[in-house]
PDB file of all heavy atoms in Angstrom:
ATOM      1  N   GLY A   1     -66.881 -40.492  -2.728  1.00  0.00           N
ATOM      2  CA  GLY A   1     -67.208 -41.645  -1.911  1.00  0.00           C
ATOM      3  C   GLY A   1     -66.218 -41.812  -0.784  1.00  0.00           C
ATOM      4  O   GLY A   1     -65.446 -40.907  -0.459  1.00  0.00           O
ATOM      5  N   THR A   2     -66.178 -43.000  -0.231  1.00  0.00           N
ATOM      6  CA  THR A   2     -65.304 -43.265   0.911  1.00  0.00           C
ATOM      7  C   THR A   2     -63.836 -43.260   0.528  1.00  0.00           C
ATOM      8  O   THR A   2     -62.970 -43.196   1.402  1.00  0.00           O
ATOM      9  CB  THR A   2     -65.646 -44.623   1.554  1.00  0.00           C
ATOM     10  OG1 THR A   2     -65.581 -45.646   0.546  1.00  0.00           O
ATOM     11  CG2 THR A   2     -67.046 -44.597   2.161  1.00  0.00           C
ATOM     12  N   ASP A   3     -63.552 -43.297  -0.758  1.00  0.00           N
ATOM     13  CA  ASP A   3     -62.153 -43.244  -1.213  1.00  0.00           C
ATOM     14  C   ASP A   3     -61.690 -41.822  -1.543  1.00  0.00           C
ATOM     15  O   ASP A   3     -60.649 -41.628  -2.140  1.00  0.00           O
ATOM     16  CB  ASP A   3     -61.959 -44.149  -2.451  1.00  0.00           C
ATOM     17  CG  ASP A   3     -62.813 -43.710  -3.627  1.00  0.00           C
ATOM     18  OD1 ASP A   3     -63.789 -42.936  -3.425  1.00  0.00           O
ATOM     19  OD2 ASP A   3     -62.507 -44.144  -4.746  1.00  0.00           O
ATOM     20  N   PHE A   4     -62.473 -40.837  -1.115  1.00  0.00           N
ATOM     21  CA  PHE A   4     -62.198 -39.443  -1.484  1.00  0.00           C
ATOM     22  C   PHE A   4     -60.795 -38.985  -1.088  1.00  0.00           C
ATOM     23  O   PHE A   4     -60.053 -38.441  -1.888  1.00  0.00           O
ATOM     24  CB  PHE A   4     -63.237 -38.516  -0.842  1.00  0.00           C
ATOM     25  CG  PHE A   4     -62.946 -37.057  -1.064  1.00  0.00           C
ATOM     26  CD1 PHE A   4     -63.280 -36.441  -2.247  1.00  0.00           C
ATOM     27  CD2 PHE A   4     -62.312 -36.300  -0.076  1.00  0.00           C
ATOM     28  CE1 PHE A   4     -62.994 -35.109  -2.475  1.00  0.00           C
ATOM     29  CE2 PHE A   4     -62.032 -34.958  -0.283  1.00  0.00           C
ATOM     30  CZ  PHE A   4     -62.383 -34.363  -1.466  1.00  0.00           C
ATOM     31  N   ILE A   5     -60.400 -39.198   0.172  1.00  0.00           N
ATOM     32  CA  ILE A   5     -59.097 -38.694   0.641  1.00  0.00           C
ATOM     33  C   ILE A   5     -57.947 -39.437  -0.051  1.00  0.00           C
ATOM     34  O   ILE A   5     -57.041 -38.765  -0.569  1.00  0.00           O
ATOM     35  CB  ILE A   5     -59.002 -38.735   2.182  1.00  0.00           C
ATOM     36  CG1 ILE A   5     -59.952 -37.666   2.751  1.00  0.00           C
ATOM     37  CG2 ILE A   5     -57.563 -38.477   2.639  1.00  0.00           C
ATOM     38  CD1 ILE A   5     -60.013 -37.591   4.257  1.00  0.00           C
ATOM     39  N   PRO A   6     -57.938 -40.758  -0.102  1.00  0.00           N
ATOM     40  CA  PRO A   6     -56.828 -41.402  -0.836  1.00  0.00           C
ATOM     41  C   PRO A   6     -56.790 -40.987  -2.312  1.00  0.00           C
ATOM     42  O   PRO A   6     -55.691 -40.790  -2.865  1.00  0.00           O
ATOM     43  CB  PRO A   6     -57.138 -42.909  -0.717  1.00  0.00           C
ATOM     44  CG  PRO A   6     -58.070 -43.039   0.416  1.00  0.00           C
ATOM     45  CD  PRO A   6     -58.809 -41.752   0.529  1.00  0.00           C
ATOM     46  N   LYS A   7     -57.936 -40.811  -2.918  1.00  0.00           N
ATOM     47  CA  LYS A   7     -57.985 -40.445  -4.330  1.00  0.00           C
ATOM     48  C   LYS A   7     -57.459 -39.040  -4.578  1.00  0.00           C
ATOM     49  O   LYS A   7     -56.885 -38.748  -5.621  1.00  0.00           O
ATOM     50  CB  LYS A   7     -59.449 -40.526  -4.773  1.00  0.00           C
ATOM     51  CG  LYS A   7     -59.669 -40.856  -6.191  1.00  0.00           C
ATOM     52  CD  LYS A   7     -61.163 -41.190  -6.331  1.00  0.00           C
ATOM     53  CE  LYS A   7     -61.606 -41.127  -7.735  1.00  0.00           C
ATOM     54  NZ  LYS A   7     -63.043 -41.359  -7.869  1.00  0.00           N
ATOM     55  N   ASN A   8     -57.641 -38.145  -3.610  1.00  0.00           N
ATOM     56  CA  ASN A   8     -57.225 -36.747  -3.748  1.00  0.00           C
ATOM     57  C   ASN A   8     -56.023 -36.404  -2.870  1.00  0.00           C
ATOM     58  O   ASN A   8     -55.756 -35.239  -2.623  1.00  0.00           O
ATOM     59  CB  ASN A   8     -58.390 -35.839  -3.396  1.00  0.00           C
ATOM     60  CG  ASN A   8     -59.502 -35.920  -4.409  1.00  0.00           C
ATOM     61  OD1 ASN A   8     -59.401 -35.316  -5.472  1.00  0.00           O
ATOM     62  ND2 ASN A   8     -60.526 -36.677  -4.093  1.00  0.00           N
ATOM     63  N   ASN A   9     -55.326 -37.415  -2.409  1.00  0.00           N
ATOM     64  CA  ASN A   9     -54.243 -37.239  -1.453  1.00  0.00           C
ATOM     65  C   ASN A   9     -53.181 -36.216  -1.913  1.00  0.00           C
ATOM     66  O   ASN A   9     -52.788 -35.363  -1.134  1.00  0.00           O
ATOM     67  CB  ASN A   9     -53.601 -38.591  -1.127  1.00  0.00           C
ATOM     68  CG  ASN A   9     -52.735 -38.531   0.079  1.00  0.00           C
ATOM     69  OD1 ASN A   9     -53.022 -37.787   1.023  1.00  0.00           O
ATOM     70  ND2 ASN A   9     -51.656 -39.291   0.084  1.00  0.00           N
ATOM     71  N   GLU A  10     -52.731 -36.331  -3.129  1.00  0.00           N
ATOM     72  CA  GLU A  10     -51.687 -35.438  -3.637  1.00  0.00           C
ATOM     73  C   GLU A  10     -52.153 -33.974  -3.606  1.00  0.00           C
ATOM     74  O   GLU A  10     -51.444 -33.080  -3.180  1.00  0.00           O
ATOM     75  CB  GLU A  10     -51.243 -35.838  -5.024  1.00  0.00           C
ATOM     76  CG  GLU A  10     -50.385 -37.079  -5.057  1.00  0.00           C
ATOM     77  CD  GLU A  10     -49.158 -36.970  -4.145  1.00  0.00           C
ATOM     78  OE1 GLU A  10     -48.429 -35.956  -4.212  1.00  0.00           O
ATOM     79  OE2 GLU A  10     -48.932 -37.916  -3.372  1.00  0.00           O
ATOM     80  N   PHE A  11     -53.384 -33.758  -4.063  1.00  0.00           N
ATOM     81  CA  PHE A  11     -53.948 -32.387  -4.082  1.00  0.00           C
ATOM     82  C   PHE A  11     -54.104 -31.860  -2.646  1.00  0.00           C
ATOM     83  O   PHE A  11     -53.767 -30.733  -2.365  1.00  0.00           O
ATOM     84  CB  PHE A  11     -55.301 -32.392  -4.788  1.00  0.00           C
ATOM     85  CG  PHE A  11     -55.951 -31.053  -4.833  1.00  0.00           C
ATOM     86  CD1 PHE A  11     -55.528 -30.097  -5.732  1.00  0.00           C
ATOM     87  CD2 PHE A  11     -57.002 -30.758  -3.969  1.00  0.00           C
ATOM     88  CE1 PHE A  11     -56.138 -28.839  -5.774  1.00  0.00           C
ATOM     89  CE2 PHE A  11     -57.611 -29.513  -4.003  1.00  0.00           C
ATOM     90  CZ  PHE A  11     -57.177 -28.545  -4.906  1.00  0.00           C
ATOM     91  N   LEU A  12     -54.600 -32.692  -1.752  1.00  0.00           N
ATOM     92  CA  LEU A  12     -54.848 -32.270  -0.374  1.00  0.00           C
ATOM     93  C   LEU A  12     -53.560 -32.006   0.375  1.00  0.00           C
ATOM     94  O   LEU A  12     -53.493 -31.119   1.232  1.00  0.00           O
ATOM     95  CB  LEU A  12     -55.701 -33.315   0.360  1.00  0.00           C
ATOM     96  CG  LEU A  12     -57.114 -33.520  -0.173  1.00  0.00           C
ATOM     97  CD1 LEU A  12     -57.768 -34.715   0.504  1.00  0.00           C
ATOM     98  CD2 LEU A  12     -57.952 -32.255  -0.002  1.00  0.00           C
ATOM     99  N   LYS A  13     -52.511 -32.763   0.067  1.00  0.00           N
ATOM    100  CA  LYS A  13     -51.221 -32.601   0.754  1.00  0.00           C
ATOM    101  C   LYS A  13     -50.491 -31.337   0.341  1.00  0.00           C
ATOM    102  O   LYS A  13     -49.518 -30.948   1.001  1.00  0.00           O
ATOM    103  CB  LYS A  13     -50.312 -33.802   0.489  1.00  0.00           C
ATOM    104  CG  LYS A  13     -50.697 -35.017   1.250  1.00  0.00           C
ATOM    105  CD  LYS A  13     -49.632 -36.106   1.224  1.00  0.00           C
ATOM    106  CE  LYS A  13     -48.961 -36.288  -0.088  1.00  0.00           C
ATOM    107  NZ  LYS A  13     -48.049 -37.425  -0.146  1.00  0.00           N
ATOM    108  N   GLN A  14     -50.894 -30.688  -0.711  1.00  0.00           N
ATOM    109  CA  GLN A  14     -50.183 -29.490  -1.205  1.00  0.00           C
ATOM    110  C   GLN A  14     -50.334 -28.302  -0.260  1.00  0.00           C
ATOM    111  O   GLN A  14     -49.645 -27.311  -0.406  1.00  0.00           O
ATOM    112  CB  GLN A  14     -50.671 -29.111  -2.593  1.00  0.00           C
ATOM    113  CG  GLN A  14     -50.286 -30.099  -3.637  1.00  0.00           C
ATOM    114  CD  GLN A  14     -50.936 -29.797  -4.989  1.00  0.00           C
ATOM    115  OE1 GLN A  14     -51.614 -28.811  -5.135  1.00  0.00           O
ATOM    116  NE2 GLN A  14     -50.719 -30.655  -5.949  1.00  0.00           N
ATOM    117  N   HIS A  15     -51.204 -28.404   0.696  1.00  0.00           N
ATOM    118  CA  HIS A  15     -51.441 -27.300   1.649  1.00  0.00           C
ATOM    119  C   HIS A  15     -50.914 -27.668   3.010  1.00  0.00           C
ATOM    120  O   HIS A  15     -50.975 -28.825   3.407  1.00  0.00           O
ATOM    121  CB  HIS A  15     -52.940 -27.061   1.742  1.00  0.00           C
ATOM    122  CG  HIS A  15     -53.349 -25.656   1.467  1.00  0.00           C
ATOM    123  ND1 HIS A  15     -52.720 -24.839   0.573  1.00  0.00           N
ATOM    124  CD2 HIS A  15     -54.354 -24.921   1.975  1.00  0.00           C
ATOM    125  CE1 HIS A  15     -53.307 -23.686   0.544  1.00  0.00           C
ATOM    126  NE2 HIS A  15     -54.302 -23.694   1.374  1.00  0.00           N
ATOM    127  N   LYS A  16     -50.395 -26.702   3.724  1.00  0.00           N
ATOM    128  CA  LYS A  16     -49.954 -26.939   5.098  1.00  0.00           C
ATOM    129  C   LYS A  16     -51.206 -26.932   5.978  1.00  0.00           C
ATOM    130  O   LYS A  16     -51.881 -25.910   6.107  1.00  0.00           O
ATOM    131  CB  LYS A  16     -48.983 -25.846   5.529  1.00  0.00           C
ATOM    132  CG  LYS A  16     -48.339 -26.105   6.835  1.00  0.00           C
ATOM    133  CD  LYS A  16     -47.320 -25.036   7.152  1.00  0.00           C
ATOM    134  CE  LYS A  16     -46.645 -25.336   8.463  1.00  0.00           C
ATOM    135  NZ  LYS A  16     -45.727 -24.288   8.834  1.00  0.00           N
ATOM    136  N   PHE A  17     -51.524 -28.043   6.582  1.00  0.00           N
ATOM    137  CA  PHE A  17     -52.766 -28.151   7.341  1.00  0.00           C
ATOM    138  C   PHE A  17     -52.727 -27.525   8.718  1.00  0.00           C
ATOM    139  O   PHE A  17     -53.730 -27.048   9.222  1.00  0.00           O
ATOM    140  CB  PHE A  17     -53.161 -29.630   7.512  1.00  0.00           C
ATOM    141  CG  PHE A  17     -53.389 -30.327   6.216  1.00  0.00           C
ATOM    142  CD1 PHE A  17     -53.097 -31.650   6.072  1.00  0.00           C
ATOM    143  CD2 PHE A  17     -53.885 -29.658   5.105  1.00  0.00           C
ATOM    144  CE1 PHE A  17     -53.306 -32.318   4.882  1.00  0.00           C
ATOM    145  CE2 PHE A  17     -54.115 -30.302   3.909  1.00  0.00           C
ATOM    146  CZ  PHE A  17     -53.812 -31.641   3.822  1.00  0.00           C
ATOM    147  N   PHE A  18     -51.592 -27.558   9.371  1.00  0.00           N
ATOM    148  CA  PHE A  18     -51.515 -27.091  10.731  1.00  0.00           C
ATOM    149  C   PHE A  18     -50.570 -25.901  10.881  1.00  0.00           C
ATOM    150  O   PHE A  18     -49.406 -26.074  11.179  1.00  0.00           O
ATOM    151  CB  PHE A  18     -51.055 -28.232  11.657  1.00  0.00           C
ATOM    152  CG  PHE A  18     -51.939 -29.432  11.584  1.00  0.00           C
ATOM    153  CD1 PHE A  18     -51.523 -30.568  10.929  1.00  0.00           C
ATOM    154  CD2 PHE A  18     -53.200 -29.415  12.144  1.00  0.00           C
ATOM    155  CE1 PHE A  18     -52.330 -31.696  10.853  1.00  0.00           C
ATOM    156  CE2 PHE A  18     -54.031 -30.517  12.078  1.00  0.00           C
ATOM    157  CZ  PHE A  18     -53.593 -31.642  11.424  1.00  0.00           C
ATOM    158  N   PRO A  19     -51.085 -24.703  10.674  1.00  0.00           N
ATOM    159  CA  PRO A  19     -50.211 -23.540  10.771  1.00  0.00           C
ATOM    160  C   PRO A  19     -49.720 -23.330  12.217  1.00  0.00           C
ATOM    161  O   PRO A  19     -50.455 -23.526  13.160  1.00  0.00           O
ATOM    162  CB  PRO A  19     -51.121 -22.376  10.368  1.00  0.00           C
ATOM    163  CG  PRO A  19     -52.506 -22.877  10.594  1.00  0.00           C
ATOM    164  CD  PRO A  19     -52.483 -24.354  10.421  1.00  0.00           C
ATOM    165  N   LYS A  20     -48.452 -22.990  12.352  1.00  0.00           N
ATOM    166  CA  LYS A  20     -47.856 -22.786  13.674  1.00  0.00           C
ATOM    167  C   LYS A  20     -47.780 -21.303  14.029  1.00  0.00           C
ATOM    168  O   LYS A  20     -47.435 -20.965  15.140  1.00  0.00           O
ATOM    169  CB  LYS A  20     -46.438 -23.371  13.687  1.00  0.00           C
ATOM    170  CG  LYS A  20     -46.390 -24.864  13.510  1.00  0.00           C
ATOM    171  CD  LYS A  20     -46.845 -25.555  14.736  1.00  0.00           C
ATOM    172  CE  LYS A  20     -46.670 -27.054  14.607  1.00  0.00           C
ATOM    173  NZ  LYS A  20     -47.208 -27.794  15.689  1.00  0.00           N
ATOM    174  N   THR A  21     -48.100 -20.435  13.090  1.00  0.00           N
ATOM    175  CA  THR A  21     -47.943 -19.020  13.353  1.00  0.00           C
ATOM    176  C   THR A  21     -49.228 -18.420  13.926  1.00  0.00           C
ATOM    177  O   THR A  21     -50.329 -18.770  13.528  1.00  0.00           O
ATOM    178  CB  THR A  21     -47.582 -18.247  12.063  1.00  0.00           C
ATOM    179  OG1 THR A  21     -48.608 -18.473  11.111  1.00  0.00           O
ATOM    180  CG2 THR A  21     -46.256 -18.707  11.522  1.00  0.00           C
ATOM    181  N   VAL A  22     -49.044 -17.548  14.881  1.00  0.00           N
ATOM    182  CA  VAL A  22     -50.157 -16.808  15.495  1.00  0.00           C
ATOM    183  C   VAL A  22     -49.729 -15.354  15.503  1.00  0.00           C
ATOM    184  O   VAL A  22     -48.626 -15.016  15.939  1.00  0.00           O
ATOM    185  CB  VAL A  22     -50.430 -17.301  16.926  1.00  0.00           C
ATOM    186  CG1 VAL A  22     -51.531 -16.502  17.569  1.00  0.00           C
ATOM    187  CG2 VAL A  22     -50.759 -18.777  16.931  1.00  0.00           C
ATOM    188  N   ASN A  23     -50.594 -14.452  15.020  1.00  0.00           N
ATOM    189  CA  ASN A  23     -50.173 -13.063  15.006  1.00  0.00           C
ATOM    190  C   ASN A  23     -50.348 -12.422  16.400  1.00  0.00           C
ATOM    191  O   ASN A  23     -50.995 -12.983  17.287  1.00  0.00           O
ATOM    192  CB  ASN A  23     -50.923 -12.268  13.901  1.00  0.00           C
ATOM    193  CG  ASN A  23     -52.400 -12.158  14.172  1.00  0.00           C
ATOM    194  OD1 ASN A  23     -52.831 -11.954  15.293  1.00  0.00           O
ATOM    195  ND2 ASN A  23     -53.183 -12.272  13.130  1.00  0.00           N
ATOM    196  N   GLU A  24     -49.777 -11.242  16.585  1.00  0.00           N
ATOM    197  CA  GLU A  24     -49.773 -10.582  17.889  1.00  0.00           C
ATOM    198  C   GLU A  24     -51.177 -10.240  18.381  1.00  0.00           C
ATOM    199  O   GLU A  24     -51.471 -10.335  19.563  1.00  0.00           O
ATOM    200  CB  GLU A  24     -48.902  -9.325  17.842  1.00  0.00           C
ATOM    201  CG  GLU A  24     -47.443  -9.643  17.708  1.00  0.00           C
ATOM    202  CD  GLU A  24     -46.594  -8.387  17.585  1.00  0.00           C
ATOM    203  OE1 GLU A  24     -47.104  -7.280  17.816  1.00  0.00           O
ATOM    204  OE2 GLU A  24     -45.412  -8.525  17.243  1.00  0.00           O
ATOM    205  N   ALA A  25     -52.054  -9.842  17.451  1.00  0.00           N
ATOM    206  CA  ALA A  25     -53.423  -9.508  17.852  1.00  0.00           C
ATOM    207  C   ALA A  25     -54.142 -10.715  18.407  1.00  0.00           C
ATOM    208  O   ALA A  25     -54.864 -10.624  19.409  1.00  0.00           O
ATOM    209  CB  ALA A  25     -54.193  -8.925  16.659  1.00  0.00           C
ATOM    210  N   ASP A  26     -53.935 -11.879  17.800  1.00  0.00           N
ATOM    211  CA  ASP A  26     -54.545 -13.095  18.297  1.00  0.00           C
ATOM    212  C   ASP A  26     -54.034 -13.446  19.691  1.00  0.00           C
ATOM    213  O   ASP A  26     -54.783 -13.834  20.568  1.00  0.00           O
ATOM    214  CB  ASP A  26     -54.283 -14.267  17.337  1.00  0.00           C
ATOM    215  CG  ASP A  26     -55.126 -14.203  16.080  1.00  0.00           C
ATOM    216  OD1 ASP A  26     -56.157 -13.500  16.081  1.00  0.00           O
ATOM    217  OD2 ASP A  26     -54.738 -14.841  15.092  1.00  0.00           O
ATOM    218  N   LEU A  27     -52.720 -13.288  19.869  1.00  0.00           N
ATOM    219  CA  LEU A  27     -52.134 -13.573  21.204  1.00  0.00           C
ATOM    220  C   LEU A  27     -52.713 -12.640  22.263  1.00  0.00           C
ATOM    221  O   LEU A  27     -53.033 -13.052  23.368  1.00  0.00           O
ATOM    222  CB  LEU A  27     -50.605 -13.461  21.159  1.00  0.00           C
ATOM    223  CG  LEU A  27     -49.890 -14.580  20.424  1.00  0.00           C
ATOM    224  CD1 LEU A  27     -48.403 -14.264  20.318  1.00  0.00           C
ATOM    225  CD2 LEU A  27     -50.101 -15.907  21.139  1.00  0.00           C
ATOM    226  N   PHE A  28     -52.841 -11.361  21.925  1.00  0.00           N
ATOM    227  CA  PHE A  28     -53.414 -10.409  22.867  1.00  0.00           C
ATOM    228  C   PHE A  28     -54.851 -10.783  23.207  1.00  0.00           C
ATOM    229  O   PHE A  28     -55.242 -10.805  24.384  1.00  0.00           O
ATOM    230  CB  PHE A  28     -53.367  -8.992  22.267  1.00  0.00           C
ATOM    231  CG  PHE A  28     -54.024  -7.974  23.146  1.00  0.00           C
ATOM    232  CD1 PHE A  28     -53.398  -7.465  24.262  1.00  0.00           C
ATOM    233  CD2 PHE A  28     -55.305  -7.519  22.837  1.00  0.00           C
ATOM    234  CE1 PHE A  28     -54.000  -6.532  25.089  1.00  0.00           C
ATOM    235  CE2 PHE A  28     -55.936  -6.588  23.641  1.00  0.00           C
ATOM    236  CZ  PHE A  28     -55.284  -6.093  24.769  1.00  0.00           C
ATOM    237  N   ASN A  29     -55.651 -11.081  22.186  1.00  0.00           N
ATOM    238  CA  ASN A  29     -57.054 -11.459  22.425  1.00  0.00           C
ATOM    239  C   ASN A  29     -57.154 -12.715  23.266  1.00  0.00           C
ATOM    240  O   ASN A  29     -57.997 -12.807  24.164  1.00  0.00           O
ATOM    241  CB  ASN A  29     -57.790 -11.651  21.104  1.00  0.00           C
ATOM    242  CG  ASN A  29     -57.985 -10.355  20.358  1.00  0.00           C
ATOM    243  OD1 ASN A  29     -58.025  -9.284  20.964  1.00  0.00           O
ATOM    244  ND2 ASN A  29     -58.081 -10.442  19.052  1.00  0.00           N
ATOM    245  N   PHE A  30     -56.281 -13.683  22.991  1.00  0.00           N
ATOM    246  CA  PHE A  30     -56.268 -14.914  23.749  1.00  0.00           C
ATOM    247  C   PHE A  30     -55.928 -14.624  25.232  1.00  0.00           C
ATOM    248  O   PHE A  30     -56.568 -15.164  26.140  1.00  0.00           O
ATOM    249  CB  PHE A  30     -55.263 -15.889  23.149  1.00  0.00           C
ATOM    250  CG  PHE A  30     -55.272 -17.234  23.799  1.00  0.00           C
ATOM    251  CD1 PHE A  30     -56.359 -18.070  23.676  1.00  0.00           C
ATOM    252  CD2 PHE A  30     -54.161 -17.666  24.501  1.00  0.00           C
ATOM    253  CE1 PHE A  30     -56.362 -19.318  24.287  1.00  0.00           C
ATOM    254  CE2 PHE A  30     -54.152 -18.912  25.100  1.00  0.00           C
ATOM    255  CZ  PHE A  30     -55.249 -19.742  24.994  1.00  0.00           C
TER     256      PHE A  30
END
């Protein structure tokens, strides 16, 4: 329901959401 994120906050926070790394192939393609 609408309380999904607060209810699962600890589980959801265990992952890094915004990766800062980009590999060389991606940079070349970009």
